[in-house]
Amino acid sequence: MRRRIIFMCNALDDVTRIKRGISTDSPAASKKIILLCKALRLDGVRIIILSMGRGGGISEWRNFSGRVHRVNGVPVIYLPFTTIPLLSQLLSSSGLMFAIFKLRLRFFTHLIYYNRTVAFLPSLLISTVLGYSNTLDLEDGEVRNKKSIKTIARVGLVSRLFDKFCNKALLACSALSAFTSIRPTLCYYGTIPTLPMAPRFQHKNLTVLMSGTLCHDTGCDLLIDAIRILRQSDEPWVRNVRFEITGKGESLDRLNFLASETAHPIVIVHGRLSDLGYLSVLNRADVGLSLKLNKGPFANTTFPSKVIEYAANGILVLTTDISDVRKVLGDGATYLNLDEPSELIKLIKNITLDSQRSLDRSLVGYNAVKNICLPKLSGKRLSEFIFGTASS
């Protein structure tokens, strides 16, 4: 019998996101899910993404019907979505239960849950009754600082239920094994797209890219402080550096203010881009920043998937030394060990003034991710874990 999996999540493609007016999604998460599913398909697995297709923060009440769509060849079932409070959660939860019941009749036997989401709980219980084998894809550990006792208790209950009814777990990094009692586990860092690598460090000017969630804990304040110091500097190399920023978050306004100033280094802020728009920026970058703080709440609770994306495109990764990044990239990245703007400036200066060494290091990073993240390798490893007995 053919191996069949349902991947339950909230992944969104650009068409559906724009049509539903959603701006609170995670492009990195959606991309990682799509590439994971494509990798499994290469190993002969039939996989369907079951997406709630929902978002938050929409001011007007709107309703959207369900739809079936292919994203990069992967079939995606988008559930109906309404912005009406309470009814919205009820519609998503009931839609998930109905879908997994119908798909069980079509011989789907395995379910992957993307993170421990409250809306998934009814389906988790139903899927167990229906005989599904449940796998948890744990991308984020619970960051409990600044949370009320009530919230911590709710998170704890949800975690225990997922740990009870899932029999395997995919982990974004090795430290997440401490956040779940599920065994066996497998660290999955992502799959790289099979695209030609654009040439890097070919021009006098250096393009440095920062993308994703733009906030203090992802290093935006650190970068802003570094840029302000550089703009007070009279060192000639600074005129050859350009920063391009994509994404959204609480630091966006401060970054936009930097971009409005006529000073070096130049700062260009794009905000949230479509997939094609982001690819255009990615193709001209030389250096990619991943600056989740060494002493921040996310240092050991997740893995910065952008480092895989950067390295896979031949971009030199400049990253804080967190999570499993060094384990994956080894000497194929430049590491920031202190959350200090002066240290960040020193590394950017070294990269700018020694482009050949920077290029060589980026190629080491490129080969490192190829060795573990090529689609065929990832697909085989994932399917052996989900359907077999392989574990880490």
Protein backbone atom coordinates (compact mmCIF):
# COMPACT_ATOMS: atom_id res chain seq x y z
CA MET A 1 0.00 0.00 0.00
CA ARG A 2 1.32 3.45 -0.91
CA ARG A 3 2.56 5.54 2.00
CA ARG A 4 0.23 8.46 2.69
CA ILE A 5 0.68 11.47 4.98
CA ILE A 6 -1.40 14.50 5.94
CA PHE A 7 0.61 17.54 7.04
CA MET A 8 -1.56 19.69 9.32
CA CYS A 9 -0.48 23.31 9.56
CA ASN A 10 -1.27 26.89 8.61
CA ALA A 11 0.97 27.19 5.55
CA LEU A 12 -0.05 29.79 2.98
CA ASP A 13 0.91 30.53 -0.59
CA ASP A 14 0.98 34.13 -1.82
CA VAL A 15 -2.27 33.87 -3.80
CA THR A 16 -4.30 32.58 -0.85
CA ARG A 17 -2.63 34.93 1.63
CA ILE A 18 -3.39 38.01 -0.45
CA LYS A 19 -6.92 36.89 -1.28
CA ARG A 20 -7.71 36.35 2.40
CA GLY A 21 -5.98 39.56 3.49
CA ILE A 22 -3.60 37.76 5.87
CA SER A 23 -0.42 39.47 7.06
CA THR A 24 0.31 37.49 10.24
CA ASP A 25 1.65 34.34 8.60
CA SER A 26 5.22 33.03 8.63
CA PRO A 27 6.71 32.86 5.11
CA ALA A 28 9.72 30.88 6.42
CA ALA A 29 7.46 28.27 8.00
CA SER A 30 5.35 27.91 4.86
CA LYS A 31 8.46 27.54 2.71
CA LYS A 32 9.97 24.91 5.02
CA ILE A 33 6.74 22.89 5.01
CA ILE A 34 6.42 22.97 1.22
CA LEU A 35 10.03 21.86 0.72
CA LEU A 36 9.62 19.06 3.30
CA CYS A 37 6.57 17.77 1.45
CA LYS A 38 8.34 17.94 -1.91
CA ALA A 39 11.25 15.96 -0.47
CA LEU A 40 8.89 13.23 0.78
CA ARG A 41 7.21 13.09 -2.62
CA LEU A 42 10.60 12.36 -4.18
CA ASP A 43 10.76 9.27 -1.97
CA GLY A 44 7.40 8.05 -3.26
CA VAL A 45 5.25 9.32 -0.40
CA ARG A 46 1.83 10.72 -1.22
CA ILE A 47 1.44 13.78 0.98
CA ILE A 48 -1.30 16.39 1.29
CA ILE A 49 -1.04 19.66 3.19
CA LEU A 50 -4.14 20.39 5.25
CA SER A 51 -3.98 24.10 6.04
CA MET A 52 -6.28 26.16 8.21
CA GLY A 53 -5.48 29.06 5.88
CA ARG A 54 -6.16 31.55 8.61
CA GLY A 55 -4.68 34.73 10.03
CA GLY A 56 -5.30 37.29 12.72
CA GLY A 57 -5.67 41.01 12.98
CA ILE A 58 -8.24 41.48 10.19
CA SER A 59 -10.47 44.40 11.21
CA GLU A 60 -13.48 43.61 9.04
CA TRP A 61 -15.64 40.50 9.16
CA ARG A 62 -15.11 38.39 6.07
CA ASN A 63 -15.78 34.80 5.04
CA PHE A 64 -13.79 32.60 2.65
CA SER A 65 -14.73 29.23 1.26
CA GLY A 66 -12.37 26.27 1.22
CA ARG A 67 -10.22 25.57 -1.81
CA VAL A 68 -7.81 22.98 -3.15
CA HIS A 69 -4.64 24.32 -4.72
CA ARG A 70 -1.22 23.06 -5.76
CA VAL A 71 1.82 24.90 -4.43
CA ASN A 72 5.04 23.92 -6.21
CA GLY A 73 3.43 20.62 -7.12
CA VAL A 74 2.22 19.83 -3.58
CA PRO A 75 -1.59 19.55 -3.13
CA VAL A 76 -2.91 21.88 -0.42
CA ILE A 77 -6.42 21.76 1.05
CA TYR A 78 -7.31 25.17 2.46
CA LEU A 79 -10.16 25.07 4.96
CA PRO A 80 -12.95 27.65 5.00
CA PHE A 81 -12.03 30.71 7.03
CA THR A 82 -14.07 33.40 8.73
CA THR A 83 -12.83 36.40 10.68
CA ILE A 84 -15.81 36.33 13.07
CA PRO A 85 -14.40 35.79 16.60
CA LEU A 86 -15.04 32.39 18.26
CA LEU A 87 -16.78 31.10 15.15
CA SER A 88 -13.43 31.35 13.38
CA GLN A 89 -11.71 28.89 15.75
CA LEU A 90 -14.73 26.59 15.76
CA LEU A 91 -14.83 26.51 11.96
CA SER A 92 -11.14 25.69 11.71
CA SER A 93 -11.25 22.95 14.36
CA SER A 94 -14.35 21.28 12.94
CA GLY A 95 -12.99 21.56 9.40
CA LEU A 96 -9.79 19.78 10.42
CA MET A 97 -11.71 16.93 12.06
CA PHE A 98 -13.98 16.47 9.04
CA ALA A 99 -11.02 16.48 6.63
CA ILE A 100 -8.98 13.85 8.47
CA PHE A 101 -12.07 11.62 8.74
CA LYS A 102 -12.64 11.83 4.97
CA LEU A 103 -8.96 11.28 4.19
CA ARG A 104 -8.84 8.24 6.47
CA LEU A 105 -11.38 6.66 4.12
CA ARG A 106 -8.85 7.24 1.33
CA PHE A 107 -6.22 5.20 3.18
CA PHE A 108 -4.18 8.04 4.67
CA THR A 109 -2.45 6.57 7.71
CA HIS A 110 -0.03 9.19 9.05
CA LEU A 111 -0.45 12.74 10.33
CA ILE A 112 2.19 15.38 10.98
CA TYR A 113 1.18 18.26 13.27
CA TYR A 114 3.12 21.51 12.85
CA ASN A 115 3.77 22.67 16.42
CA ARG A 116 1.45 22.17 19.40
CA THR A 117 -1.45 24.35 18.29
CA VAL A 118 -4.63 24.51 20.39
CA ALA A 119 -6.85 24.36 17.29
CA PHE A 120 -5.32 20.95 16.48
CA LEU A 121 -6.35 19.31 19.77
CA PRO A 122 -9.79 17.96 18.71
CA SER A 123 -8.22 16.50 15.56
CA LEU A 124 -5.39 15.01 17.60
CA LEU A 125 -7.88 13.07 19.70
CA ILE A 126 -9.99 12.03 16.70
CA SER A 127 -6.95 10.97 14.69
CA THR A 128 -5.90 8.64 17.50
CA VAL A 129 -9.35 7.03 17.54
CA LEU A 130 -9.23 6.66 13.74
CA GLY A 131 -5.92 4.82 13.93
CA TYR A 132 -3.58 7.46 12.52
CA SER A 133 0.08 7.43 13.47
CA ASN A 134 0.76 10.95 14.76
CA THR A 135 4.08 12.80 14.43
CA LEU A 136 4.77 16.20 15.98
CA ASP A 137 6.89 18.66 14.01
CA LEU A 138 8.19 20.79 16.87
CA GLU A 139 9.67 24.01 15.50
CA ASP A 140 9.59 26.17 18.62
CA GLY A 141 10.05 25.58 22.32
CA GLU A 142 7.80 27.36 24.77
CA VAL A 143 9.32 30.66 25.86
CA ARG A 144 7.75 31.17 29.27
CA ASN A 145 9.11 34.50 30.38
CA LYS A 146 6.56 37.31 30.70
CA LYS A 147 3.67 34.82 30.65
CA SER A 148 0.97 34.54 33.29
CA ILE A 149 0.56 31.44 35.44
CA LYS A 150 -2.72 30.76 33.63
CA THR A 151 -1.01 30.85 30.23
CA ILE A 152 1.82 28.61 31.45
CA ALA A 153 -0.71 26.09 32.75
CA ARG A 154 -2.56 26.07 29.41
CA VAL A 155 0.68 25.61 27.48
CA GLY A 156 1.64 22.78 29.80
CA LEU A 157 -1.68 20.99 29.28
CA VAL A 158 -1.47 21.30 25.50
CA SER A 159 2.10 20.01 25.54
CA ARG A 160 1.16 16.98 27.62
CA LEU A 161 -1.69 16.07 25.31
CA PHE A 162 0.51 16.21 22.21
CA ASP A 163 3.22 14.25 23.98
CA LYS A 164 0.67 11.59 24.92
CA PHE A 165 -0.94 11.12 21.51
CA CYS A 166 2.08 11.56 19.19
CA ASN A 167 4.52 8.69 18.88
CA LYS A 168 7.36 10.46 17.01
CA ALA A 169 8.72 14.00 16.78
CA LEU A 170 10.64 16.01 14.23
CA LEU A 171 12.74 18.65 16.00
CA ALA A 172 14.01 21.94 14.59
CA CYS A 173 17.13 21.61 16.78
CA SER A 174 18.60 19.14 19.24
CA ALA A 175 17.86 21.28 22.32
CA LEU A 176 14.13 20.86 21.68
CA SER A 177 14.33 17.27 22.90
CA ALA A 178 14.12 18.78 26.39
CA PHE A 179 10.75 20.33 25.51
CA THR A 180 8.98 17.05 24.74
CA SER A 181 8.82 13.52 26.14
CA ILE A 182 8.06 12.05 22.70
CA ARG A 183 10.54 9.46 21.54
CA PRO A 184 12.03 8.72 19.05
CA THR A 185 13.02 12.10 17.63
CA LEU A 186 14.75 13.30 14.47
CA CYS A 187 16.41 16.68 13.95
CA TYR A 188 15.25 18.11 10.64
CA TYR A 189 16.89 21.38 9.58
CA GLY A 190 15.13 21.83 6.27
CA THR A 191 15.43 21.03 2.58
CA ILE A 192 17.17 23.23 0.05
CA PRO A 193 15.57 24.07 -3.31
CA THR A 194 17.42 22.76 -6.34
CA LEU A 195 18.19 26.12 -7.92
CA PRO A 196 21.38 27.34 -9.62
CA MET A 197 23.64 29.31 -7.28
CA ALA A 198 24.00 32.97 -8.18
CA PRO A 199 27.56 34.42 -8.11
CA ARG A 200 28.47 36.30 -4.92
CA PHE A 201 31.13 38.89 -4.03
CA GLN A 202 31.44 39.91 -7.67
CA HIS A 203 31.03 43.67 -7.16
CA LYS A 204 32.81 46.41 -5.28
CA ASN A 205 29.70 47.07 -3.19
CA LEU A 206 28.68 44.47 -0.59
CA THR A 207 24.97 43.71 -0.15
CA VAL A 208 23.98 42.51 3.33
CA LEU A 209 20.49 41.03 3.74
CA MET A 210 18.36 40.72 6.87
CA SER A 211 14.98 39.04 6.54
CA GLY A 212 12.14 37.60 8.59
CA THR A 213 10.71 38.83 11.87
CA LEU A 214 12.14 42.25 12.68
CA CYS A 215 12.32 42.72 16.44
CA HIS A 216 14.73 43.02 19.35
CA ASP A 217 15.11 39.29 19.96
CA THR A 218 16.01 38.62 16.31
CA GLY A 219 18.85 41.14 16.50
CA CYS A 220 17.26 44.16 14.84
CA ASP A 221 18.21 46.58 17.62
CA LEU A 222 21.74 45.21 17.46
CA LEU A 223 21.85 45.88 13.72
CA ILE A 224 20.32 49.36 14.06
CA ASP A 225 22.92 50.34 16.67
CA ALA A 226 25.70 49.01 14.44
CA ILE A 227 24.46 51.02 11.43
CA ARG A 228 24.23 54.19 13.51
CA ILE A 229 27.84 53.75 14.67
CA LEU A 230 28.98 53.09 11.09
CA ARG A 231 27.29 56.28 9.92
CA GLN A 232 29.39 58.24 12.36
CA SER A 233 32.52 56.60 11.02
CA ASP A 234 34.75 58.07 8.33
CA GLU A 235 36.28 54.73 7.28
CA PRO A 236 36.16 54.45 3.46
CA TRP A 237 35.02 50.78 3.38
CA VAL A 238 31.66 51.79 4.91
CA ARG A 239 30.65 53.46 1.63
CA ASN A 240 30.84 50.06 -0.07
CA VAL A 241 28.24 48.39 2.17
CA ARG A 242 24.50 48.31 1.55
CA PHE A 243 21.88 46.75 3.84
CA GLU A 244 18.61 45.40 2.45
CA ILE A 245 15.84 44.52 4.90
CA THR A 246 12.76 42.40 4.24
CA GLY A 247 10.02 41.22 6.58
CA LYS A 248 7.83 42.69 9.27
CA GLY A 249 7.87 43.36 12.99
CA GLU A 250 8.10 45.95 15.74
CA SER A 251 11.49 47.26 14.54
CA LEU A 252 10.25 48.10 11.05
CA ASP A 253 9.57 51.78 11.81
CA ARG A 254 13.09 52.34 13.18
CA LEU A 255 14.57 50.65 10.15
CA ASN A 256 12.44 52.79 7.84
CA PHE A 257 13.78 55.88 9.60
CA LEU A 258 17.34 54.72 8.93
CA ALA A 259 16.42 54.17 5.28
CA SER A 260 15.08 57.72 5.02
CA GLU A 261 18.42 59.22 5.99
CA THR A 262 20.94 60.03 3.28
CA ALA A 263 24.04 58.50 4.79
CA HIS A 264 26.38 55.55 4.39
CA PRO A 265 25.95 52.67 4.70
CA ILE A 266 22.79 52.78 2.59
CA VAL A 267 19.76 51.05 4.08
CA ILE A 268 16.90 49.81 1.86
CA VAL A 269 13.77 48.53 3.59
CA HIS A 270 11.35 46.48 1.51
CA GLY A 271 8.96 45.30 4.21
CA ARG A 272 6.93 42.19 3.46
CA LEU A 273 7.55 40.91 -0.09
CA SER A 274 5.96 38.30 -2.30
CA ASP A 275 7.94 35.11 -2.86
CA LEU A 276 9.15 36.40 -6.24
CA GLY A 277 10.08 39.79 -4.80
CA TYR A 278 12.05 38.18 -2.00
CA LEU A 279 13.83 35.88 -4.45
CA SER A 280 15.00 38.94 -6.38
CA VAL A 281 16.54 40.42 -3.22
CA LEU A 282 18.05 37.07 -2.26
CA ASN A 283 19.75 36.74 -5.63
CA ARG A 284 21.75 39.96 -5.22
CA ALA A 285 22.81 39.47 -1.59
CA ASP A 286 26.38 38.60 -0.64
CA VAL A 287 25.90 38.23 3.11
CA GLY A 288 22.86 37.02 5.03
CA LEU A 289 22.31 38.03 8.66
CA SER A 290 20.82 35.70 11.27
CA LEU A 291 21.09 37.59 14.54
CA LYS A 292 18.80 35.94 17.10
CA LEU A 293 20.57 37.01 20.26
CA ASN A 294 23.11 34.69 21.89
CA LYS A 295 21.51 35.48 25.25
CA GLY A 296 17.97 35.84 23.91
CA PRO A 297 14.90 33.64 24.48
CA PHE A 298 15.23 31.92 21.09
CA ALA A 299 18.88 30.87 21.37
CA ASN A 300 18.05 27.24 22.16
CA THR A 301 14.32 27.00 21.48
CA THR A 302 14.36 26.92 17.68
CA PHE A 303 16.63 26.76 14.64
CA PRO A 304 17.02 29.82 12.37
CA SER A 305 15.93 28.25 9.06
CA LYS A 306 17.14 31.29 7.13
CA VAL A 307 20.77 30.12 7.58
CA ILE A 308 19.92 27.07 5.46
CA GLU A 309 18.28 29.28 2.85
CA TYR A 310 21.22 31.68 2.73
CA ALA A 311 23.89 28.98 2.56
CA ALA A 312 21.97 27.02 -0.09
CA ASN A 313 22.07 30.12 -2.31
CA GLY A 314 25.81 30.61 -1.86
CA ILE A 315 25.32 33.57 0.48
CA LEU A 316 27.81 33.94 3.32
CA VAL A 317 25.98 33.46 6.61
CA LEU A 318 26.81 35.91 9.40
CA THR A 319 25.10 34.43 12.43
CA THR A 320 25.01 34.37 16.19
CA ASP A 321 26.41 31.13 17.57
CA ILE A 322 23.09 29.63 18.69
CA SER A 323 21.14 26.40 18.46
CA ASP A 324 22.61 23.83 16.02
CA VAL A 325 23.94 26.38 13.53
CA ARG A 326 27.61 25.53 14.04
CA LYS A 327 26.76 21.82 13.96
CA VAL A 328 25.20 22.27 10.51
CA LEU A 329 27.49 24.89 8.89
CA GLY A 330 30.78 24.29 10.68
CA ASP A 331 33.41 26.61 9.19
CA GLY A 332 31.00 27.67 6.45
CA ALA A 333 29.72 30.71 8.36
CA THR A 334 30.96 33.76 10.25
CA TYR A 335 29.92 33.68 13.92
CA LEU A 336 28.99 36.55 16.21
CA ASN A 337 29.70 35.43 19.78
CA LEU A 338 28.77 38.65 21.59
CA ASP A 339 25.54 40.61 21.23
CA GLU A 340 27.46 43.84 20.77
CA PRO A 341 27.29 46.27 17.80
CA SER A 342 31.07 46.75 17.91
CA GLU A 343 31.58 43.00 17.38
CA LEU A 344 29.08 42.96 14.50
CA ILE A 345 30.86 45.91 12.85
CA LYS A 346 34.21 44.15 13.17
CA LEU A 347 32.89 41.06 11.37
CA ILE A 348 31.23 43.08 8.58
CA LYS A 349 34.47 45.01 8.08
CA ASN A 350 36.50 41.80 7.79
CA ILE A 351 34.05 40.39 5.25
CA THR A 352 34.12 43.60 3.19
CA LEU A 353 37.90 43.93 3.12
CA ASP A 354 38.61 40.26 2.34
CA SER A 355 36.04 39.28 -0.28
CA GLN A 356 38.00 36.24 -1.49
CA ARG A 357 38.12 34.69 1.96
CA SER A 358 34.43 35.50 2.39
CA LEU A 359 33.60 33.82 -0.90
CA ASP A 360 35.60 30.73 0.06
CA ARG A 361 33.76 30.50 3.37
CA SER A 362 30.37 30.84 1.67
CA LEU A 363 31.26 27.88 -0.58
CA VAL A 364 32.06 25.80 2.51
CA GLY A 365 28.61 26.65 3.87
CA TYR A 366 27.00 25.82 0.54
CA ASN A 367 28.59 22.37 0.49
CA ALA A 368 27.71 21.78 4.15
CA VAL A 369 23.98 22.21 3.61
CA LYS A 370 24.12 20.20 0.39
CA ASN A 371 25.41 17.24 2.37
CA ILE A 372 22.39 17.12 4.66
CA CYS A 373 19.59 19.11 3.02
CA LEU A 374 19.36 17.97 -0.60
CA PRO A 375 15.74 16.95 -1.38
CA LYS A 376 16.46 13.27 -2.11
CA LEU A 377 18.55 12.87 1.04
CA SER A 378 16.00 14.69 3.20
CA GLY A 379 13.06 12.79 1.72
CA LYS A 380 14.64 9.40 2.33
CA ARG A 381 15.67 10.30 5.87
CA LEU A 382 12.22 11.66 6.71
CA SER A 383 10.28 8.72 5.26
CA GLU A 384 12.52 6.18 6.99
CA PHE A 385 11.90 7.95 10.28
CA ILE A 386 8.14 8.37 9.87
CA PHE A 387 7.39 4.93 8.44
CA GLY A 388 10.33 2.96 9.82
CA THR A 389 12.46 2.87 12.91
CA ALA A 390 15.26 5.38 12.18
CA SER A 391 15.88 7.89 14.96
CA SER A 392 18.54 10.28 16.19
